[in-house]
Amino acid sequence: MYALLKSKFIARALLVCFFGLSVSMPAAQASMIGTAEAFTAADSADRGYLLDVLKRSDVAAKLQSLGVSADDVQARVNAMSDNEAAELAAQVKDLPAGGDVIGALVFVFLVLLITDILGFTNVFPFVKKTVR
């Protein structure tokens, strides 16, 4: 009788241990990613870099003085194509440190203006809209 109780106790203890280990350690999964997924990761890095630059206090203040809100800037960066985001990020990275930020701001303003003229967004009230 004592041996039977002892073996049941050991079986239950092992069951609890195995269950505890299976819950606490998730299964590792590894897989290959495709080319499109790799490029998407790089593009999101470009967009993240642009959003970080545009959230800086001096850049945000200049954009506010031009009448562009922070929400509009984020929407415009998210609306950019992958090539546009990569090109703009490369141009911003090529700017000299502490140099002329005005050129980058003018470029961003022009990109925002062009997308507004094309009808993709509605940020600037002075742009006339045409019904298609």
C-alpha atoms as a PDB file:
ATOM      1  CA  MET A   1       0.000   0.000   0.000  1.00  0.00           C
ATOM      2  CA  TYR A   2       2.796   2.387   0.937  1.00  0.00           C
ATOM      3  CA  ALA A   3       4.582   1.720  -2.381  1.00  0.00           C
ATOM      4  CA  LEU A   4       1.399   2.473  -4.336  1.00  0.00           C
ATOM      5  CA  LEU A   5       0.918   5.824  -2.569  1.00  0.00           C
ATOM      6  CA  LYS A   6       4.565   6.671  -3.075  1.00  0.00           C
ATOM      7  CA  SER A   7       4.408   5.911  -6.818  1.00  0.00           C
ATOM      8  CA  LYS A   8       1.188   7.979  -7.212  1.00  0.00           C
ATOM      9  CA  PHE A   9       2.860  10.890  -5.423  1.00  0.00           C
ATOM     10  CA  ILE A  10       5.917  10.671  -7.669  1.00  0.00           C
ATOM     11  CA  ALA A  11       3.728  10.410 -10.790  1.00  0.00           C
ATOM     12  CA  ARG A  12       1.724  13.492  -9.788  1.00  0.00           C
ATOM     13  CA  ALA A  13       4.865  15.449  -8.919  1.00  0.00           C
ATOM     14  CA  LEU A  14       6.393  14.601 -12.304  1.00  0.00           C
ATOM     15  CA  LEU A  15       3.149  15.559 -14.028  1.00  0.00           C
ATOM     16  CA  VAL A  16       3.184  18.978 -12.310  1.00  0.00           C
ATOM     17  CA  CYS A  17       6.851  19.492 -13.216  1.00  0.00           C
ATOM     18  CA  PHE A  18       6.359  18.576 -16.863  1.00  0.00           C
ATOM     19  CA  PHE A  19       3.258  20.756 -17.123  1.00  0.00           C
ATOM     20  CA  GLY A  20       5.065  23.667 -15.468  1.00  0.00           C
ATOM     21  CA  LEU A  21       8.008  23.363 -17.832  1.00  0.00           C
ATOM     22  CA  SER A  22       5.819  23.174 -20.908  1.00  0.00           C
ATOM     23  CA  VAL A  23       3.897  26.316 -19.929  1.00  0.00           C
ATOM     24  CA  SER A  24       6.884  28.409 -18.913  1.00  0.00           C
ATOM     25  CA  MET A  25       9.015  27.686 -21.992  1.00  0.00           C
ATOM     26  CA  PRO A  26       7.415  28.568 -25.304  1.00  0.00           C
ATOM     27  CA  ALA A  27       8.399  26.532 -28.308  1.00  0.00           C
ATOM     28  CA  ALA A  28      11.120  28.099 -30.412  1.00  0.00           C
ATOM     29  CA  GLN A  29      10.197  28.722 -34.027  1.00  0.00           C
ATOM     30  CA  ALA A  30      12.514  29.646 -36.827  1.00  0.00           C
ATOM     31  CA  SER A  31      11.720  30.157 -40.462  1.00  0.00           C
ATOM     32  CA  MET A  32      13.079  31.805 -43.545  1.00  0.00           C
ATOM     33  CA  ILE A  33      11.815  35.242 -44.490  1.00  0.00           C
ATOM     34  CA  GLY A  34      11.235  36.327 -48.031  1.00  0.00           C
ATOM     35  CA  THR A  35      12.794  39.211 -49.889  1.00  0.00           C
ATOM     36  CA  ALA A  36       9.646  41.334 -49.587  1.00  0.00           C
ATOM     37  CA  GLU A  37       9.614  40.927 -45.813  1.00  0.00           C
ATOM     38  CA  ALA A  38      13.278  41.900 -45.585  1.00  0.00           C
ATOM     39  CA  PHE A  39      12.654  45.050 -47.621  1.00  0.00           C
ATOM     40  CA  THR A  40       9.605  45.876 -45.504  1.00  0.00           C
ATOM     41  CA  ALA A  41      11.792  45.766 -42.389  1.00  0.00           C
ATOM     42  CA  ALA A  42      14.287  48.145 -44.021  1.00  0.00           C
ATOM     43  CA  ASP A  43      11.504  50.472 -45.157  1.00  0.00           C
ATOM     44  CA  SER A  44      10.001  50.620 -41.696  1.00  0.00           C
ATOM     45  CA  ALA A  45      13.457  51.573 -40.400  1.00  0.00           C
ATOM     46  CA  ASP A  46      13.558  54.462 -42.899  1.00  0.00           C
ATOM     47  CA  ARG A  47      10.092  55.608 -41.845  1.00  0.00           C
ATOM     48  CA  GLY A  48      11.045  55.332 -38.175  1.00  0.00           C
ATOM     49  CA  TYR A  49      14.166  57.399 -38.785  1.00  0.00           C
ATOM     50  CA  LEU A  50      12.143  60.071 -40.606  1.00  0.00           C
ATOM     51  CA  LEU A  51       9.542  60.205 -37.846  1.00  0.00           C
ATOM     52  CA  ASP A  52      12.290  60.542 -35.221  1.00  0.00           C
ATOM     53  CA  VAL A  53      13.891  63.417 -37.129  1.00  0.00           C
ATOM     54  CA  LEU A  54      10.572  65.159 -37.698  1.00  0.00           C
ATOM     55  CA  LYS A  55       9.649  64.847 -33.995  1.00  0.00           C
ATOM     56  CA  ARG A  56      12.717  66.824 -32.908  1.00  0.00           C
ATOM     57  CA  SER A  57      11.727  70.038 -31.181  1.00  0.00           C
ATOM     58  CA  ASP A  58      13.372  72.407 -33.677  1.00  0.00           C
ATOM     59  CA  VAL A  59      11.975  70.606 -36.714  1.00  0.00           C
ATOM     60  CA  ALA A  60       8.515  70.293 -35.142  1.00  0.00           C
ATOM     61  CA  ALA A  61       8.528  74.007 -34.287  1.00  0.00           C
ATOM     62  CA  LYS A  62       9.436  74.947 -37.852  1.00  0.00           C
ATOM     63  CA  LEU A  63       6.740  72.702 -39.278  1.00  0.00           C
ATOM     64  CA  GLN A  64       4.213  74.186 -36.842  1.00  0.00           C
ATOM     65  CA  SER A  65       5.190  77.656 -38.043  1.00  0.00           C
ATOM     66  CA  LEU A  66       4.500  76.482 -41.606  1.00  0.00           C
ATOM     67  CA  GLY A  67       1.044  75.287 -40.517  1.00  0.00           C
ATOM     68  CA  VAL A  68       1.699  71.551 -40.475  1.00  0.00           C
ATOM     69  CA  SER A  69       0.648  69.623 -37.377  1.00  0.00           C
ATOM     70  CA  ALA A  70       2.519  66.627 -35.982  1.00  0.00           C
ATOM     71  CA  ASP A  71      -0.387  64.322 -36.871  1.00  0.00           C
ATOM     72  CA  ASP A  72      -0.254  65.504 -40.487  1.00  0.00           C
ATOM     73  CA  VAL A  73       3.486  64.879 -40.631  1.00  0.00           C
ATOM     74  CA  GLN A  74       3.060  61.338 -39.356  1.00  0.00           C
ATOM     75  CA  ALA A  75       0.227  60.680 -41.804  1.00  0.00           C
ATOM     76  CA  ARG A  76       2.299  62.011 -44.691  1.00  0.00           C
ATOM     77  CA  VAL A  77       5.342  59.913 -43.808  1.00  0.00           C
ATOM     78  CA  ASN A  78       3.140  56.838 -43.540  1.00  0.00           C
ATOM     79  CA  ALA A  79       1.535  57.680 -46.908  1.00  0.00           C
ATOM     80  CA  MET A  80       4.903  57.875 -48.677  1.00  0.00           C
ATOM     81  CA  SER A  81       5.912  55.060 -50.959  1.00  0.00           C
ATOM     82  CA  ASP A  82       8.841  52.921 -49.903  1.00  0.00           C
ATOM     83  CA  ASN A  83      11.111  54.584 -52.459  1.00  0.00           C
ATOM     84  CA  GLU A  84      10.113  58.089 -51.336  1.00  0.00           C
ATOM     85  CA  ALA A  85      10.759  57.235 -47.684  1.00  0.00           C
ATOM     86  CA  ALA A  86      14.145  55.713 -48.489  1.00  0.00           C
ATOM     87  CA  GLU A  87      15.124  58.691 -50.677  1.00  0.00           C
ATOM     88  CA  LEU A  88      14.070  61.255 -48.078  1.00  0.00           C
ATOM     89  CA  ALA A  89      15.837  59.338 -45.286  1.00  0.00           C
ATOM     90  CA  ALA A  90      19.009  59.215 -47.384  1.00  0.00           C
ATOM     91  CA  GLN A  91      18.828  62.963 -48.036  1.00  0.00           C
ATOM     92  CA  VAL A  92      18.277  63.728 -44.358  1.00  0.00           C
ATOM     93  CA  LYS A  93      21.204  61.475 -43.403  1.00  0.00           C
ATOM     94  CA  ASP A  94      23.440  63.291 -45.893  1.00  0.00           C
ATOM     95  CA  LEU A  95      22.765  66.665 -44.279  1.00  0.00           C
ATOM     96  CA  PRO A  96      25.703  68.007 -42.268  1.00  0.00           C
ATOM     97  CA  ALA A  97      25.361  67.688 -38.506  1.00  0.00           C
ATOM     98  CA  GLY A  98      24.045  70.922 -37.064  1.00  0.00           C
ATOM     99  CA  GLY A  99      23.816  72.247 -40.591  1.00  0.00           C
ATOM    100  CA  ASP A 100      21.024  73.611 -42.679  1.00  0.00           C
ATOM    101  CA  VAL A 101      17.800  71.942 -41.619  1.00  0.00           C
ATOM    102  CA  ILE A 102      15.842  74.433 -43.697  1.00  0.00           C
ATOM    103  CA  GLY A 103      16.606  72.506 -46.882  1.00  0.00           C
ATOM    104  CA  ALA A 104      15.157  69.333 -45.402  1.00  0.00           C
ATOM    105  CA  LEU A 105      12.115  71.210 -44.152  1.00  0.00           C
ATOM    106  CA  VAL A 106      11.549  72.752 -47.567  1.00  0.00           C
ATOM    107  CA  PHE A 107      11.821  69.309 -49.146  1.00  0.00           C
ATOM    108  CA  VAL A 108       9.310  67.856 -46.668  1.00  0.00           C
ATOM    109  CA  PHE A 109       7.011  70.821 -47.248  1.00  0.00           C
ATOM    110  CA  LEU A 110       7.198  70.288 -51.016  1.00  0.00           C
ATOM    111  CA  VAL A 111       6.485  66.572 -50.673  1.00  0.00           C
ATOM    112  CA  LEU A 112       3.486  67.377 -48.476  1.00  0.00           C
ATOM    113  CA  LEU A 113       2.319  70.045 -50.911  1.00  0.00           C
ATOM    114  CA  ILE A 114       2.599  67.726 -53.912  1.00  0.00           C
ATOM    115  CA  THR A 115       0.652  64.969 -52.178  1.00  0.00           C
ATOM    116  CA  ASP A 116      -1.969  67.548 -51.242  1.00  0.00           C
ATOM    117  CA  ILE A 117      -2.228  68.808 -54.824  1.00  0.00           C
ATOM    118  CA  LEU A 118      -2.553  65.242 -56.103  1.00  0.00           C
ATOM    119  CA  GLY A 119      -5.444  64.724 -53.690  1.00  0.00           C
ATOM    120  CA  PHE A 120      -3.902  62.037 -51.496  1.00  0.00           C
ATOM    121  CA  THR A 121      -4.254  64.184 -48.383  1.00  0.00           C
ATOM    122  CA  ASN A 122      -5.951  67.378 -47.253  1.00  0.00           C
ATOM    123  CA  VAL A 123      -3.490  69.269 -45.077  1.00  0.00           C
ATOM    124  CA  PHE A 124      -3.108  72.725 -46.557  1.00  0.00           C
ATOM    125  CA  PRO A 125      -6.280  74.827 -46.782  1.00  0.00           C
ATOM    126  CA  PHE A 126      -4.802  77.062 -49.498  1.00  0.00           C
ATOM    127  CA  VAL A 127      -4.550  74.216 -52.037  1.00  0.00           C
ATOM    128  CA  LYS A 128      -7.528  74.181 -54.387  1.00  0.00           C
ATOM    129  CA  LYS A 129      -9.114  70.777 -54.695  1.00  0.00           C
ATOM    130  CA  THR A 130     -10.587  69.513 -57.950  1.00  0.00           C
ATOM    131  CA  VAL A 131     -13.303  66.893 -58.084  1.00  0.00           C
ATOM    132  CA  ARG A 132     -12.343  63.936 -60.241  1.00  0.00           C
END
